[in-house]
Protein backbone atom coordinates (compact mmCIF):
# COMPACT_ATOMS: atom_id res chain seq x y z
CA MET A 1 -4.64 113.86 59.66
CA THR A 2 -3.96 112.71 56.11
CA ALA A 3 -0.91 113.17 53.92
CA GLN A 4 -2.97 115.38 51.61
CA THR A 5 -3.88 117.67 54.53
CA LEU A 6 -0.21 117.97 55.46
CA PHE A 7 0.60 118.71 51.83
CA TYR A 8 -1.83 121.64 51.78
CA ILE A 9 -0.47 122.88 55.12
CA ILE A 10 3.03 122.91 53.60
CA ILE A 11 1.73 124.80 50.53
CA GLY A 12 -0.03 127.23 52.88
CA ILE A 13 3.11 127.83 54.96
CA LEU A 14 5.21 128.52 51.86
CA THR A 15 2.55 130.86 50.45
CA VAL A 16 2.02 132.81 53.68
CA ASN A 17 5.79 133.20 54.17
CA PHE A 18 6.17 134.47 50.62
CA ILE A 19 3.30 136.97 50.96
CA ILE A 20 4.59 138.28 54.31
CA ASP A 21 8.08 138.74 52.86
CA LYS A 22 6.77 140.59 49.81
CA VAL A 23 4.51 142.84 51.91
CA LEU A 24 7.46 143.71 54.15
CA ASP A 25 9.63 144.38 51.10
CA ALA A 26 6.96 146.69 49.66
CA LEU A 27 6.57 148.57 52.95
CA ASN A 28 10.33 148.95 53.14
CA ALA A 29 10.51 150.21 49.55
CA LYS A 30 8.11 153.04 50.39
CA HIS A 31 10.81 154.49 52.66
CA PHE A 32 13.56 154.46 50.04
CA LYS A 33 12.94 158.13 49.16
CA ASP A 34 12.75 159.44 52.72
CA GLU A 35 14.96 162.44 53.42
CA VAL A 36 18.42 161.86 54.82
CA PRO A 37 18.23 162.01 58.64
CA SER A 38 19.96 165.10 59.98
CA GLU A 39 22.32 162.95 62.07
CA ILE A 40 23.79 161.47 58.88
CA ASN A 41 23.65 164.27 56.30
CA ASP A 42 27.25 165.26 56.99
CA VAL A 43 28.36 162.09 55.18
CA PHE A 44 25.56 161.47 52.67
CA ASP A 45 25.46 164.33 50.19
CA THR A 46 22.75 164.52 47.51
CA GLU A 47 24.73 162.50 44.98
CA ALA A 48 25.64 159.74 47.45
CA TYR A 49 22.07 159.50 48.74
CA GLN A 50 20.65 159.31 45.21
CA LYS A 51 23.07 156.50 44.44
CA SER A 52 21.99 154.74 47.62
CA MET A 53 18.31 155.02 46.63
CA ASN A 54 19.02 153.67 43.14
CA TYR A 55 20.92 150.73 44.64
CA LYS A 56 18.05 149.92 47.01
CA PHE A 57 15.44 150.05 44.23
CA THR A 58 17.55 147.91 41.93
CA ASN A 59 18.02 145.26 44.61
CA TYR A 60 14.34 145.44 45.54
CA LYS A 61 13.22 144.69 41.98
CA PHE A 62 15.84 141.97 41.58
CA GLY A 63 14.82 140.37 44.87
CA LEU A 64 11.17 140.45 43.86
CA TRP A 65 11.75 138.53 40.63
CA SER A 66 14.31 136.09 42.05
CA SER A 67 12.15 135.20 45.06
CA LEU A 68 9.07 134.86 42.84
CA PHE A 69 10.99 132.44 40.63
CA SER A 70 12.09 130.42 43.66
CA PHE A 71 8.55 130.36 45.12
CA VAL A 72 6.86 129.27 41.88
CA LEU A 73 9.51 126.62 41.25
CA THR A 74 9.16 125.21 44.77
CA ILE A 75 5.35 125.05 44.57
CA ALA A 76 5.50 123.45 41.11
CA PHE A 77 8.09 120.92 42.29
CA LEU A 78 5.86 119.91 45.19
CA TRP A 79 2.70 119.86 43.11
CA LEU A 80 4.24 117.71 40.38
CA ASP A 81 5.71 115.20 42.87
CA GLY A 82 9.29 116.27 42.15
CA PHE A 83 10.58 114.73 45.38
CA GLU A 84 9.11 111.35 44.41
CA TRP A 85 10.87 111.58 41.06
CA VAL A 86 14.23 112.38 42.71
CA ASP A 87 13.69 109.62 45.28
CA GLN A 88 13.08 107.06 42.52
CA ILE A 89 16.25 108.14 40.71
CA ALA A 90 18.23 107.66 43.93
CA ARG A 91 16.69 104.23 44.53
CA ASN A 92 17.59 103.14 41.01
CA TYR A 93 21.26 103.36 42.02
CA SER A 94 21.10 101.79 45.47
CA SER A 95 18.84 100.43 48.18
CA HIS A 96 21.16 101.41 51.04
CA PRO A 97 19.50 104.23 53.06
CA ILE A 98 22.70 106.26 53.40
CA VAL A 99 23.54 106.08 49.70
CA VAL A 100 19.93 106.86 48.73
CA ALA A 101 19.89 109.87 51.09
CA LEU A 102 23.19 111.19 49.72
CA ILE A 103 22.07 110.85 46.09
CA PHE A 104 18.66 112.35 46.93
CA PHE A 105 20.10 115.46 48.59
CA GLY A 106 22.95 115.62 46.11
CA ILE A 107 20.55 115.92 43.16
CA ILE A 108 18.44 118.55 44.95
CA MET A 109 21.43 120.64 46.08
CA ILE A 110 23.21 120.57 42.72
CA ALA A 111 19.98 121.38 40.84
CA SER A 112 19.23 124.21 43.26
CA ASP A 113 22.74 125.60 42.86
CA LEU A 114 22.56 125.44 39.06
CA LEU A 115 19.21 127.24 39.05
CA SER A 116 20.41 129.94 41.44
CA THR A 117 23.74 130.54 39.67
CA PRO A 118 22.33 132.83 36.92
CA PHE A 119 20.76 135.03 39.63
CA SER A 120 24.00 135.05 41.61
CA TYR A 121 25.94 135.89 38.45
CA TYR A 122 23.57 138.76 37.59
CA LYS A 123 23.72 140.10 41.14
CA THR A 124 27.53 140.05 41.11
CA PHE A 125 28.43 141.08 37.58
CA VAL A 126 25.52 143.39 36.75
CA ILE A 127 24.09 144.99 39.91
CA GLU A 128 27.24 145.07 42.06
CA GLU A 129 29.27 146.04 38.99
CA GLN A 130 26.86 148.86 38.10
CA PHE A 131 27.25 150.44 41.54
CA GLY A 132 31.02 150.01 41.73
CA PHE A 133 31.18 147.22 44.33
CA ASN A 134 32.21 144.18 42.33
CA LYS A 135 35.87 143.21 42.15
CA THR A 136 35.24 139.51 41.53
CA SER A 137 36.66 138.05 38.35
CA LYS A 138 34.70 135.41 36.46
CA ALA A 139 37.45 132.90 37.29
CA THR A 140 37.12 133.65 41.01
CA PHE A 141 33.33 133.37 40.76
CA ILE A 142 33.59 129.90 39.21
CA LYS A 143 36.28 128.77 41.67
CA ASP A 144 34.15 129.94 44.61
CA LYS A 145 31.21 127.95 43.26
CA LEU A 146 33.26 124.80 42.84
CA LYS A 147 34.91 125.13 46.25
CA GLY A 148 31.51 125.72 47.87
CA LEU A 149 30.08 122.62 46.22
CA LEU A 150 33.10 120.56 47.29
CA MET A 151 32.72 121.71 50.89
CA LEU A 152 29.00 120.94 50.76
CA VAL A 153 29.72 117.42 49.52
CA LEU A 154 32.49 116.69 52.03
CA LEU A 155 31.14 118.40 55.15
CA GLY A 156 27.40 118.36 54.54
CA GLY A 157 27.44 114.90 52.99
CA GLY A 158 29.62 113.54 55.78
CA ILE A 159 27.34 114.86 58.54
CA LEU A 160 24.19 113.68 56.71
CA ALA A 161 25.63 110.19 56.21
CA PHE A 162 26.59 109.96 59.88
CA ILE A 163 23.14 111.11 61.06
CA VAL A 164 21.33 108.63 58.77
CA TRP A 165 23.68 105.89 60.02
CA ILE A 166 22.91 106.81 63.64
CA TYR A 167 19.18 106.79 62.89
CA GLN A 168 19.36 103.27 61.48
CA PHE A 169 20.72 101.98 64.78
CA THR A 170 19.05 104.16 67.41
CA GLN A 171 15.74 105.25 65.79
CA GLU A 172 13.91 107.70 68.12
CA LYS A 173 17.03 108.30 70.24
CA PHE A 174 19.12 109.33 67.25
CA TRP A 175 18.62 113.01 68.11
CA ILE A 176 20.90 112.75 71.16
CA TYR A 177 23.86 111.40 69.16
CA ALA A 178 23.15 113.73 66.23
CA TRP A 179 23.06 116.66 68.65
CA ILE A 180 26.43 115.68 70.11
CA VAL A 181 27.99 115.37 66.64
CA ILE A 182 26.57 118.68 65.38
CA THR A 183 27.58 120.44 68.61
CA LEU A 184 31.17 119.20 68.33
CA PHE A 185 31.26 120.23 64.68
CA THR A 186 29.84 123.69 65.49
CA VAL A 187 32.36 124.32 68.27
CA PHE A 188 35.20 123.06 66.06
CA MET A 189 34.18 125.36 63.19
CA ASN A 190 33.89 128.32 65.56
CA MET A 191 37.39 127.60 66.77
CA PHE A 192 39.17 126.91 63.50
CA TYR A 193 37.04 128.53 60.77
CA ALA A 194 39.57 131.30 60.15
CA ARG A 195 42.48 128.85 60.05
CA LEU A 196 40.89 126.09 57.93
CA ILE A 197 38.06 127.51 55.80
CA VAL A 198 38.90 131.16 55.11
CA PRO A 199 42.26 130.34 53.41
CA LEU A 200 40.34 128.32 50.81
CA PHE A 201 38.76 131.53 49.58
CA ASN A 202 40.94 134.42 50.75
CA LYS A 203 44.52 135.29 51.58
CA GLN A 204 45.19 136.29 55.18
CA THR A 205 48.37 138.07 56.25
CA PRO A 206 49.41 139.34 59.68
CA LEU A 207 48.89 143.09 60.10
CA GLU A 208 52.28 144.66 59.56
CA ASN A 209 54.03 146.53 62.32
CA GLY A 210 53.21 150.21 62.43
CA SER A 211 51.02 152.82 64.07
CA LEU A 212 47.74 150.96 63.43
CA ARG A 213 48.98 147.74 65.00
CA ASP A 214 50.42 149.71 67.89
CA LYS A 215 47.10 151.49 68.48
CA ILE A 216 45.15 148.22 68.34
CA SER A 217 47.58 146.48 70.68
CA GLY A 218 47.59 149.48 73.01
CA TYR A 219 43.80 149.49 73.22
CA ALA A 220 43.62 145.73 73.74
CA ALA A 221 46.16 145.98 76.57
CA SER A 222 44.22 148.86 78.19
CA VAL A 223 41.10 146.67 78.55
CA GLY A 224 42.98 143.50 79.50
CA PHE A 225 42.31 141.77 76.24
CA ASN A 226 45.08 139.51 74.99
CA LEU A 227 45.22 139.98 71.23
CA ASP A 228 48.27 138.74 69.38
CA ASN A 229 46.65 137.49 66.17
CA ILE A 230 45.67 140.44 63.97
CA PHE A 231 45.18 139.59 60.30
CA VAL A 232 44.31 141.43 57.12
CA ILE A 233 42.14 139.65 54.55
CA ASP A 234 42.02 140.52 50.86
CA GLY A 235 38.32 141.41 50.78
CA SER A 236 39.00 143.74 47.85
CA LYS A 237 39.48 140.60 45.76
CA ARG A 238 35.69 140.36 45.55
CA SER A 239 34.11 143.62 46.67
CA THR A 240 34.77 147.17 47.80
CA LYS A 241 32.57 146.63 50.87
CA ALA A 242 34.38 146.57 54.21
CA ASN A 243 34.16 144.40 57.31
CA ALA A 244 35.97 143.20 60.43
CA TYR A 245 35.32 140.27 62.72
CA PHE A 246 36.56 138.18 65.64
CA SER A 247 36.78 134.42 65.48
CA GLY A 248 38.01 131.54 67.60
CA PHE A 249 38.61 131.09 71.32
CA GLY A 250 41.69 130.87 73.50
CA LYS A 251 44.89 130.61 71.49
CA GLU A 252 42.87 130.53 68.26
CA LYS A 253 41.33 133.93 69.02
CA ARG A 254 42.02 136.39 66.23
CA VAL A 255 40.76 139.61 64.71
CA THR A 256 40.47 139.89 60.95
CA LEU A 257 40.37 143.24 59.15
CA TYR A 258 39.32 143.58 55.53
CA ASP A 259 41.86 145.51 53.50
CA THR A 260 38.93 147.66 52.34
CA LEU A 261 38.23 148.62 55.96
CA ILE A 262 41.81 149.80 56.38
CA ASN A 263 41.49 151.85 53.20
CA ASP A 264 38.10 153.39 54.08
CA LEU A 265 38.60 154.34 57.74
CA ASP A 266 41.27 156.24 59.61
CA GLU A 267 43.19 154.53 62.42
CA ASP A 268 41.05 155.95 65.23
CA GLU A 269 37.90 154.71 63.53
CA ILE A 270 39.38 151.24 62.99
CA VAL A 271 40.31 150.97 66.66
CA ALA A 272 36.79 152.10 67.61
CA VAL A 273 35.25 149.41 65.38
CA LEU A 274 37.54 146.83 66.98
CA ALA A 275 36.58 148.13 70.44
CA HIS A 276 33.01 147.28 69.48
CA GLU A 277 34.10 143.74 68.54
CA VAL A 278 36.05 143.42 71.80
CA GLY A 279 32.82 144.44 73.54
CA HIS A 280 31.09 141.42 72.04
CA TYR A 281 33.86 139.22 73.38
CA LYS A 282 33.97 140.82 76.83
CA LYS A 283 30.19 140.65 77.21
CA GLN A 284 30.25 136.92 76.34
CA HIS A 285 28.00 137.49 73.31
CA ILE A 286 29.89 134.97 71.20
CA ILE A 287 29.54 132.27 73.86
CA ILE A 288 25.86 133.09 74.45
CA ASN A 289 25.06 132.93 70.74
CA LEU A 290 26.91 129.63 70.43
CA LEU A 291 25.08 128.12 73.41
CA LEU A 292 21.69 129.32 72.15
CA SER A 293 22.44 127.88 68.73
CA ILE A 294 23.32 124.53 70.31
CA ILE A 295 20.16 124.55 72.45
CA LEU A 296 17.93 125.39 69.47
CA THR A 297 19.59 122.64 67.45
CA GLY A 298 18.88 120.16 70.25
CA ILE A 299 15.22 121.18 70.46
CA THR A 300 14.83 120.92 66.69
CA LEU A 301 16.43 117.48 66.57
CA TYR A 302 14.26 116.28 69.46
CA LEU A 303 11.08 117.39 67.66
CA LEU A 304 12.40 115.78 64.49
CA SER A 305 12.91 112.49 66.33
CA ILE A 306 9.24 112.49 67.40
CA PHE A 307 7.87 112.84 63.88
CA ILE A 308 10.53 111.48 61.53
CA SER A 309 9.33 107.85 61.71
CA ASN A 310 5.77 108.83 60.74
CA PRO A 311 5.21 107.90 57.05
CA LEU A 312 2.84 110.87 56.74
CA LEU A 313 5.86 113.17 56.49
CA SER A 314 7.26 111.45 53.41
CA ASN A 315 3.82 111.00 51.87
CA ALA A 316 3.01 114.69 52.43
CA ILE A 317 5.65 115.71 49.86
CA GLY A 318 4.61 112.97 47.45
CA VAL A 319 7.27 110.37 48.29
CA SER A 320 5.58 106.96 48.31
CA THR A 321 8.38 105.07 50.10
CA PRO A 322 8.76 106.51 53.63
CA SER A 323 12.36 107.41 54.45
CA PHE A 324 14.45 109.52 56.77
CA HIS A 325 15.62 111.86 54.00
CA ALA A 326 12.11 112.56 52.65
CA GLY A 327 10.78 113.03 56.18
CA LEU A 328 13.60 115.48 56.85
CA ILE A 329 12.49 117.66 53.91
CA ALA A 330 8.84 117.64 55.00
CA PHE A 331 9.76 118.36 58.63
CA GLY A 332 11.92 121.30 57.54
CA LEU A 333 9.02 122.81 55.58
CA LEU A 334 6.53 122.30 58.43
CA TYR A 335 9.01 123.60 61.02
CA SER A 336 9.67 126.87 59.17
CA PRO A 337 7.08 128.94 61.15
CA ILE A 338 8.84 127.94 64.38
CA SER A 339 12.17 128.83 62.75
CA GLU A 340 10.75 132.25 61.90
CA ILE A 341 9.79 132.83 65.53
CA THR A 342 13.16 131.71 66.90
CA GLY A 343 14.80 133.85 64.20
CA LEU A 344 12.88 136.92 65.44
CA ILE A 345 14.02 136.24 69.00
CA MET A 346 17.64 135.77 67.91
CA ASN A 347 17.54 138.97 65.84
CA TYR A 348 16.15 140.92 68.79
CA LEU A 349 18.86 139.52 71.03
CA SER A 350 21.49 140.33 68.39
CA ARG A 351 20.32 143.96 68.15
CA THR A 352 20.50 144.20 71.95
CA PHE A 353 24.04 142.83 71.89
CA GLU A 354 25.02 145.42 69.25
CA TYR A 355 23.92 148.25 71.55
CA GLN A 356 25.89 146.71 74.41
CA ALA A 357 29.01 146.37 72.27
CA ASP A 358 28.62 149.99 71.09
CA HIS A 359 28.36 151.10 74.73
CA TYR A 360 31.49 149.12 75.57
CA ALA A 361 33.39 150.80 72.75
CA LYS A 362 32.09 154.21 73.84
CA THR A 363 33.15 153.75 77.48
CA THR A 364 36.51 152.06 76.88
CA TYR A 365 37.55 154.08 73.84
CA LYS A 366 35.56 156.90 72.22
CA ALA A 367 32.11 157.32 70.70
CA GLU A 368 33.04 159.88 68.06
CA PRO A 369 35.33 157.71 65.89
CA LEU A 370 32.87 154.81 66.11
CA ILE A 371 30.06 157.07 64.90
CA SER A 372 32.11 158.49 62.04
CA GLY A 373 33.37 155.00 61.14
CA LEU A 374 29.84 153.59 61.04
CA LYS A 375 28.73 156.50 58.85
CA LYS A 376 31.54 155.90 56.37
CA LEU A 377 30.88 152.16 56.23
CA SER A 378 27.19 152.83 55.65
CA LYS A 379 27.90 155.31 52.88
CA ASN A 380 30.44 153.06 51.16
CA SER A 381 28.05 150.10 51.19
CA LEU A 382 25.02 152.24 50.18
CA SER A 383 23.04 150.76 53.06
CA ASN A 384 19.40 151.55 53.75
CA LEU A 385 19.27 154.58 56.06
CA THR A 386 15.49 154.64 56.57
CA PRO A 387 14.15 151.06 56.66
CA HIS A 388 10.56 150.38 57.70
CA PRO A 389 10.33 149.44 61.42
CA ALA A 390 8.48 146.19 60.61
CA TYR A 391 11.21 145.22 58.16
CA VAL A 392 13.86 145.94 60.80
CA PHE A 393 11.94 143.86 63.36
CA MET A 394 11.67 140.88 61.01
CA HIS A 395 15.05 140.91 59.27
CA TYR A 396 17.69 143.08 60.95
CA SER A 397 20.30 141.49 63.20
CA HIS A 398 21.79 144.97 63.78
CA PRO A 399 20.07 148.19 64.81
CA THR A 400 19.75 150.83 62.11
CA LEU A 401 22.60 153.29 61.71
CA LEU A 402 20.38 156.14 62.92
CA LYS A 403 19.40 154.30 66.12
CA ARG A 404 23.00 153.40 66.88
CA ILE A 405 24.14 156.99 66.44
CA GLN A 406 21.34 158.31 68.64
CA VAL A 407 22.19 155.87 71.43
CA LEU A 408 25.94 156.52 71.15
CA LYS A 409 25.39 160.28 71.50
CA HIS A 410 23.56 159.87 74.81
C-alpha cells in the first residue's frame, strides 16, 4: 500500500462520515413537526411545543453550516499539505521530537479553536439567547476560552510530552507505559474533577440545611448510601438549562445540583432525579464505564504502537519527515470508523444503564416524581421529543423521554 492510497482512504473516511451524519440529521429533521406524544402533552402545550420545534430547526440549520465548514476546511487542509506546512514551522524552531510535537499540536489546536470560536459565539449569544437559555456574559465567555486553552496546554501538553518521551525510549512497547499514565490520570480526574477543575469555572456551595437536604439525606440513608457531600453549582451563570451529577469515589464522592434544577423542580422530583443517580452508583455503572474506557484506551494504544513507526502514516497526510506526532494524526483519522463502532456500543450500554437507574429510582423511591421531573427538564431545555430511531441509535447516550416514561409506567 502506498501513502497516496492511504491518503485517499482518509479522504474517503472523512467524506463517508460526513455524508452519514448529514443523512441522519436530515432524517431526524423530518420528525421535528410530529405531534406531541400523548404521554407528554400535559407538559408541552402548543406554544411550548412550537418553541421546541423552532429551536430544533434553528440548531439543525446551524449544525449543517458549521459542520460543512469544518468538513471543507479539513479536506482542503489535507489536500494542500497543511500538516507538512505546520510540521516545517515546528521544525524551524527545534529539532527535539518533544518540542516539535508540542509546537505542531499547539499550532493546530490554537488555529482550530480560533476558527471554531465565531461558531461558538454565535451559538451562545444568538441561538441560545434567542430562545432564552443564555446567561453567559461576554467576559465569562472569554475567560472560559482562556481557561480551557490553559488547561489544554498544561494537561494535554504535559501528557503528550510524556508519551513522546516514552516513545523515544521504548518504541513499540511505549503503549504499555502510556496506558498506565493515561489510566492513572483518568482515575485521578474521576476522583478529583469536582474538587480541582469545576471551581475554575463555577462556584460550588454546600446545600444549605432545610427540607430538601433532609429529604435527600433521608432517601440516601434508606438505601444505605452514605452521602455527606451535597453541593449546589451556579449553573445559571451560563444557562437556564438544569442538570445534576455524581462524581468521585469513597470520601470524594459527592452529588452536585445545578441551581437551575432546584428552581425548576419540586423537592420530590429532585429526590427522584437523585435516586436515579444513586441507581447508577449502586449498579456499578460508573465503575463499569471507567473500566471499559480504560480497556478501550489500552486497545487503541496497542494498535497505535503497531503502526506508529511506519512512515506511511506520516506520508499519508503529506508530512515528508516521518514522526510520532504526524503518525498520531493519521492514525486517528484512519481509526475513526472503529471509534464509531465502539461509540455505538458504548451508547447502547449507556441507554441500558439509564433504564436500570430509572428502575432503581422507581423501586426505591417513586416513579411519578421522576416522570414529572423528566418532563419538566425536557420542556425547559426544549429537547427533541420525537427523534428518528436511527438518529437515536447513532447518537443518543440516553433513551428518549417517551421511552423512559413508557418503561417507568410499567
